[in-house]
C-alpha atoms as a PDB file:
ATOM      1  CA  VAL A   1     -31.411 157.723 -45.279  1.00  0.00           C
ATOM      2  CA  VAL A   2     -29.961 154.890 -43.178  1.00  0.00           C
ATOM      3  CA  ASN A   3     -27.104 152.993 -44.819  1.00  0.00           C
ATOM      4  CA  GLY A   4     -28.395 154.095 -48.225  1.00  0.00           C
ATOM      5  CA  ILE A   5     -32.003 153.008 -47.534  1.00  0.00           C
ATOM      6  CA  ASP A   6     -34.740 155.655 -47.610  1.00  0.00           C
ATOM      7  CA  SER A   7     -35.903 156.133 -44.025  1.00  0.00           C
ATOM      8  CA  ALA A   8     -39.334 157.220 -45.341  1.00  0.00           C
ATOM      9  CA  ILE A   9     -40.160 153.505 -45.521  1.00  0.00           C
ATOM     10  CA  VAL A  10     -39.614 153.296 -41.782  1.00  0.00           C
ATOM     11  CA  VAL A  11     -41.545 156.496 -41.083  1.00  0.00           C
ATOM     12  CA  ASP A  12     -44.537 155.149 -43.021  1.00  0.00           C
ATOM     13  CA  ALA A  13     -44.184 151.808 -41.266  1.00  0.00           C
ATOM     14  CA  TYR A  14     -44.428 153.476 -37.858  1.00  0.00           C
ATOM     15  CA  ARG A  15     -47.319 155.652 -39.002  1.00  0.00           C
ATOM     16  CA  TYR A  16     -49.314 152.505 -39.826  1.00  0.00           C
ATOM     17  CA  GLY A  17     -48.652 150.647 -36.598  1.00  0.00           C
ATOM     18  CA  ALA A  18     -45.305 148.925 -36.980  1.00  0.00           C
ATOM     19  CA  THR A  19     -43.076 148.896 -33.920  1.00  0.00           C
ATOM     20  CA  PRO A  20     -39.325 148.511 -33.493  1.00  0.00           C
ATOM     21  CA  ASP A  21     -40.024 144.907 -32.474  1.00  0.00           C
ATOM     22  CA  THR A  22     -41.872 144.109 -35.722  1.00  0.00           C
ATOM     23  CA  LEU A  23     -39.401 145.926 -37.972  1.00  0.00           C
ATOM     24  CA  LYS A  24     -36.210 145.268 -35.987  1.00  0.00           C
ATOM     25  CA  TRP A  25     -34.904 148.586 -37.322  1.00  0.00           C
ATOM     26  CA  ASN A  26     -32.254 150.669 -35.600  1.00  0.00           C
ATOM     27  CA  SER A  27     -29.842 153.378 -36.609  1.00  0.00           C
ATOM     28  CA  SER A  28     -26.863 151.014 -36.716  1.00  0.00           C
ATOM     29  CA  CYS A  29     -28.349 148.300 -38.933  1.00  0.00           C
ATOM     30  CA  ASP A  30     -26.499 146.944 -41.935  1.00  0.00           C
ATOM     31  CA  VAL A  31     -27.845 146.036 -45.349  1.00  0.00           C
ATOM     32  CA  ASP A  32     -26.515 142.694 -46.576  1.00  0.00           C
ATOM     33  CA  LYS A  33     -25.783 141.756 -50.205  1.00  0.00           C
ATOM     34  CA  ASN A  34     -29.360 140.434 -50.618  1.00  0.00           C
ATOM     35  CA  GLY A  35     -30.967 143.758 -49.684  1.00  0.00           C
ATOM     36  CA  ARG A  36     -31.985 142.581 -46.224  1.00  0.00           C
ATOM     37  CA  ILE A  37     -31.842 144.802 -43.165  1.00  0.00           C
ATOM     38  CA  ASP A  38     -31.341 142.881 -39.932  1.00  0.00           C
ATOM     39  CA  GLY A  39     -33.137 139.921 -41.536  1.00  0.00           C
ATOM     40  CA  ILE A  40     -36.013 141.901 -43.047  1.00  0.00           C
ATOM     41  CA  ASP A  41     -36.335 142.079 -46.812  1.00  0.00           C
ATOM     42  CA  VAL A  42     -36.624 145.759 -47.785  1.00  0.00           C
ATOM     43  CA  THR A  43     -38.903 144.795 -50.690  1.00  0.00           C
ATOM     44  CA  LEU A  44     -41.272 143.068 -48.285  1.00  0.00           C
ATOM     45  CA  VAL A  45     -41.339 146.148 -46.061  1.00  0.00           C
ATOM     46  CA  THR A  46     -42.106 148.299 -49.104  1.00  0.00           C
ATOM     47  CA  ASN A  47     -44.820 145.907 -50.333  1.00  0.00           C
ATOM     48  CA  ALA A  48     -46.398 145.735 -46.872  1.00  0.00           C
ATOM     49  CA  PHE A  49     -47.323 149.404 -47.182  1.00  0.00           C
ATOM     50  CA  LYS A  50     -48.164 149.440 -50.888  1.00  0.00           C
ATOM     51  CA  GLY A  51     -51.492 151.171 -51.389  1.00  0.00           C
ATOM     52  CA  LEU A  52     -51.567 153.032 -48.081  1.00  0.00           C
ATOM     53  CA  PRO A  53     -52.024 156.815 -48.287  1.00  0.00           C
ATOM     54  CA  GLY A  54     -48.771 158.660 -48.846  1.00  0.00           C
ATOM     55  CA  THR A  55     -46.797 155.542 -49.788  1.00  0.00           C
ATOM     56  CA  GLU A  56     -47.451 155.223 -53.521  1.00  0.00           C
ATOM     57  CA  PRO A  57     -44.579 156.078 -55.883  1.00  0.00           C
ATOM     58  CA  PRO A  58     -45.348 157.781 -59.211  1.00  0.00           C
ATOM     59  CA  PRO A  59     -46.821 155.412 -61.831  1.00  0.00           C
ATOM     60  CA  LEU A  60     -44.297 153.169 -63.566  1.00  0.00           C
ATOM     61  CA  VAL A  61     -44.456 153.958 -67.277  1.00  0.00           C
ATOM     62  CA  ILE A  62     -42.481 153.145 -70.398  1.00  0.00           C
ATOM     63  CA  SER A  63     -41.603 156.589 -71.711  1.00  0.00           C
ATOM     64  CA  THR A  64     -40.224 155.566 -75.118  1.00  0.00           C
ATOM     65  CA  ALA A  65     -42.769 156.893 -77.633  1.00  0.00           C
ATOM     66  CA  SER A  66     -42.081 154.489 -80.509  1.00  0.00           C
ATOM     67  CA  LEU A  67     -39.397 152.266 -81.992  1.00  0.00           C
ATOM     68  CA  ALA A  68     -37.739 152.738 -85.371  1.00  0.00           C
ATOM     69  CA  ASN A  69     -38.465 150.287 -88.143  1.00  0.00           C
ATOM     70  CA  GLY A  70     -35.671 147.994 -89.278  1.00  0.00           C
ATOM     71  CA  GLN A  71     -34.244 146.240 -92.282  1.00  0.00           C
ATOM     72  CA  GLN A  72     -33.653 142.543 -92.855  1.00  0.00           C
ATOM     73  CA  GLY A  73     -30.000 141.620 -92.306  1.00  0.00           C
ATOM     74  CA  VAL A  74     -29.039 145.052 -90.903  1.00  0.00           C
ATOM     75  CA  ALA A  75     -28.005 145.434 -87.235  1.00  0.00           C
ATOM     76  CA  TYR A  76     -30.724 147.047 -85.095  1.00  0.00           C
ATOM     77  CA  SER A  77     -30.549 148.632 -81.656  1.00  0.00           C
ATOM     78  CA  ALA A  78     -33.152 150.724 -79.848  1.00  0.00           C
ATOM     79  CA  PRO A  79     -33.289 151.804 -76.189  1.00  0.00           C
ATOM     80  CA  ILE A  80     -36.548 151.468 -74.261  1.00  0.00           C
ATOM     81  CA  THR A  81     -36.755 153.653 -71.171  1.00  0.00           C
ATOM     82  CA  ALA A  82     -38.992 153.598 -68.097  1.00  0.00           C
ATOM     83  CA  SER A  83     -39.667 156.157 -65.392  1.00  0.00           C
ATOM     84  CA  GLY A  84     -41.544 156.207 -62.133  1.00  0.00           C
ATOM     85  CA  GLY A  85     -42.277 153.389 -59.746  1.00  0.00           C
ATOM     86  CA  THR A  86     -39.691 152.931 -57.044  1.00  0.00           C
ATOM     87  CA  GLY A  87     -36.909 153.601 -59.554  1.00  0.00           C
ATOM     88  CA  GLN A  88     -35.071 150.449 -58.479  1.00  0.00           C
ATOM     89  CA  GLY A  89     -34.718 146.859 -59.578  1.00  0.00           C
ATOM     90  CA  TYR A  90     -36.396 147.136 -62.976  1.00  0.00           C
ATOM     91  CA  VAL A  91     -36.997 143.786 -64.690  1.00  0.00           C
ATOM     92  CA  TRP A  92     -37.910 143.906 -68.383  1.00  0.00           C
ATOM     93  CA  SER A  93     -39.902 141.353 -70.391  1.00  0.00           C
ATOM     94  CA  GLN A  94     -41.963 140.845 -73.515  1.00  0.00           C
ATOM     95  CA  SER A  95     -45.492 140.232 -72.226  1.00  0.00           C
ATOM     96  CA  ALA A  96     -47.402 139.742 -75.501  1.00  0.00           C
ATOM     97  CA  GLY A  97     -46.983 139.490 -79.250  1.00  0.00           C
ATOM     98  CA  THR A  98     -43.921 138.531 -81.273  1.00  0.00           C
ATOM     99  CA  LEU A  99     -40.560 140.231 -81.532  1.00  0.00           C
ATOM    100  CA  PRO A 100     -39.055 140.294 -85.010  1.00  0.00           C
ATOM    101  CA  PRO A 101     -36.949 137.122 -85.401  1.00  0.00           C
ATOM    102  CA  GLY A 102     -33.315 137.957 -84.676  1.00  0.00           C
ATOM    103  CA  LEU A 103     -34.089 140.688 -82.116  1.00  0.00           C
ATOM    104  CA  ILE A 104     -33.846 140.228 -78.348  1.00  0.00           C
ATOM    105  CA  LEU A 105     -34.781 142.389 -75.376  1.00  0.00           C
ATOM    106  CA  SER A 106     -32.055 142.864 -72.787  1.00  0.00           C
ATOM    107  CA  ALA A 107     -31.735 145.087 -69.747  1.00  0.00           C
ATOM    108  CA  SER A 108     -28.937 147.570 -70.260  1.00  0.00           C
ATOM    109  CA  GLY A 109     -29.433 149.651 -67.154  1.00  0.00           C
ATOM    110  CA  ASN A 110     -31.879 150.160 -64.362  1.00  0.00           C
ATOM    111  CA  PRO A 111     -34.345 152.369 -66.241  1.00  0.00           C
ATOM    112  CA  THR A 112     -33.355 151.243 -69.743  1.00  0.00           C
ATOM    113  CA  ALA A 113     -33.599 148.052 -71.784  1.00  0.00           C
ATOM    114  CA  THR A 114     -32.373 147.548 -75.335  1.00  0.00           C
ATOM    115  CA  LEU A 115     -34.058 145.795 -78.234  1.00  0.00           C
ATOM    116  CA  SER A 116     -31.222 144.669 -80.473  1.00  0.00           C
ATOM    117  CA  GLY A 117     -29.923 142.127 -82.938  1.00  0.00           C
ATOM    118  CA  THR A 118     -30.149 141.567 -86.667  1.00  0.00           C
ATOM    119  CA  PRO A 119     -33.686 141.057 -88.013  1.00  0.00           C
ATOM    120  CA  THR A 120     -33.940 137.974 -90.203  1.00  0.00           C
ATOM    121  CA  THR A 121     -37.547 138.020 -91.414  1.00  0.00           C
ATOM    122  CA  VAL A 122     -39.509 140.700 -93.300  1.00  0.00           C
ATOM    123  CA  GLY A 123     -42.869 141.678 -91.815  1.00  0.00           C
ATOM    124  CA  SER A 124     -44.774 143.786 -89.324  1.00  0.00           C
ATOM    125  CA  TYR A 125     -44.441 142.733 -85.674  1.00  0.00           C
ATOM    126  CA  GLY A 126     -46.587 143.877 -82.781  1.00  0.00           C
ATOM    127  CA  PHE A 127     -45.546 143.158 -79.201  1.00  0.00           C
ATOM    128  CA  THR A 128     -45.914 144.526 -75.686  1.00  0.00           C
ATOM    129  CA  ILE A 129     -42.970 145.309 -73.433  1.00  0.00           C
ATOM    130  CA  GLN A 130     -43.456 145.221 -69.671  1.00  0.00           C
ATOM    131  CA  VAL A 131     -41.271 146.568 -66.870  1.00  0.00           C
ATOM    132  CA  ARG A 132     -41.596 145.624 -63.184  1.00  0.00           C
ATOM    133  CA  ASP A 133     -39.789 147.343 -60.313  1.00  0.00           C
ATOM    134  CA  ALA A 134     -38.471 145.962 -57.033  1.00  0.00           C
ATOM    135  CA  ALA A 135     -41.782 146.619 -55.250  1.00  0.00           C
ATOM    136  CA  GLY A 136     -43.854 144.839 -57.913  1.00  0.00           C
ATOM    137  CA  TYR A 137     -45.264 147.893 -59.675  1.00  0.00           C
ATOM    138  CA  THR A 138     -45.612 147.327 -63.424  1.00  0.00           C
ATOM    139  CA  GLY A 139     -45.917 149.344 -66.594  1.00  0.00           C
ATOM    140  CA  SER A 140     -46.332 148.140 -70.155  1.00  0.00           C
ATOM    141  CA  LYS A 141     -46.581 149.537 -73.648  1.00  0.00           C
ATOM    142  CA  PRO A 142     -47.394 148.074 -77.066  1.00  0.00           C
ATOM    143  CA  PHE A 143     -44.995 148.648 -79.954  1.00  0.00           C
ATOM    144  CA  THR A 144     -44.998 147.796 -83.674  1.00  0.00           C
ATOM    145  CA  ILE A 145     -41.888 147.417 -85.818  1.00  0.00           C
ATOM    146  CA  THR A 146     -41.856 146.802 -89.559  1.00  0.00           C
ATOM    147  CA  ILE A 147     -38.855 144.956 -90.972  1.00  0.00           C
ATOM    148  CA  ALA A 148     -38.301 145.885 -94.619  1.00  0.00           C
ATOM    149  CA  PRO A 149     -36.562 143.642 -97.184  1.00  0.00           C
ATOM    150  CA  SER A 150     -32.825 144.111 -97.446  1.00  0.00           C
ATOM    151  CA  GLY A 151     -31.995 146.923 -99.815  1.00  0.00           C
ATOM    152  CA  GLY A 152     -35.240 148.847 -99.315  1.00  0.00           C
ATOM    153  CA  GLY A 153     -37.015 151.058 -96.811  1.00  0.00           C
ATOM    154  CA  GLY A 154     -36.892 150.814 -93.062  1.00  0.00           C
ATOM    155  CA  GLY A 155     -35.935 153.882 -91.084  1.00  0.00           C
ATOM    156  CA  GLU A 156     -37.895 156.005 -88.639  1.00  0.00           C
ATOM    157  CA  GLN A 157     -41.651 155.815 -88.252  1.00  0.00           C
END
């Protein structure tokens, strides 16, 4: 590890033909606030070797099995967790379907997002959540949540 950056990226870079001139890497380099090392974007270095033997991280997957159902007018909060990929720079989004009105998806930590709010409309809602890491690997998973009328039902699936 050089200044907190995994030197395996550099080892793989050299293995596939990069030279000190093309990487401009040395043992005294500094990482700036934008994640650049001596003017080279670490993400670009990682992406340059994406797909080469020995460079693939584990698959990026959403590990949350299911989400609890909710109730109209009652506060709702559910964590959604990912694992794999590079383990850094996760960006969460809704890639398909419709979230229950009143709920929003927000990142609450690198491997975790939270679906929260107060559902306003009764119904069954299907949607897909996607996560992308700093190197561009993605994982997605479909979920369904039923919002019950106030005063009845809801709870775990």
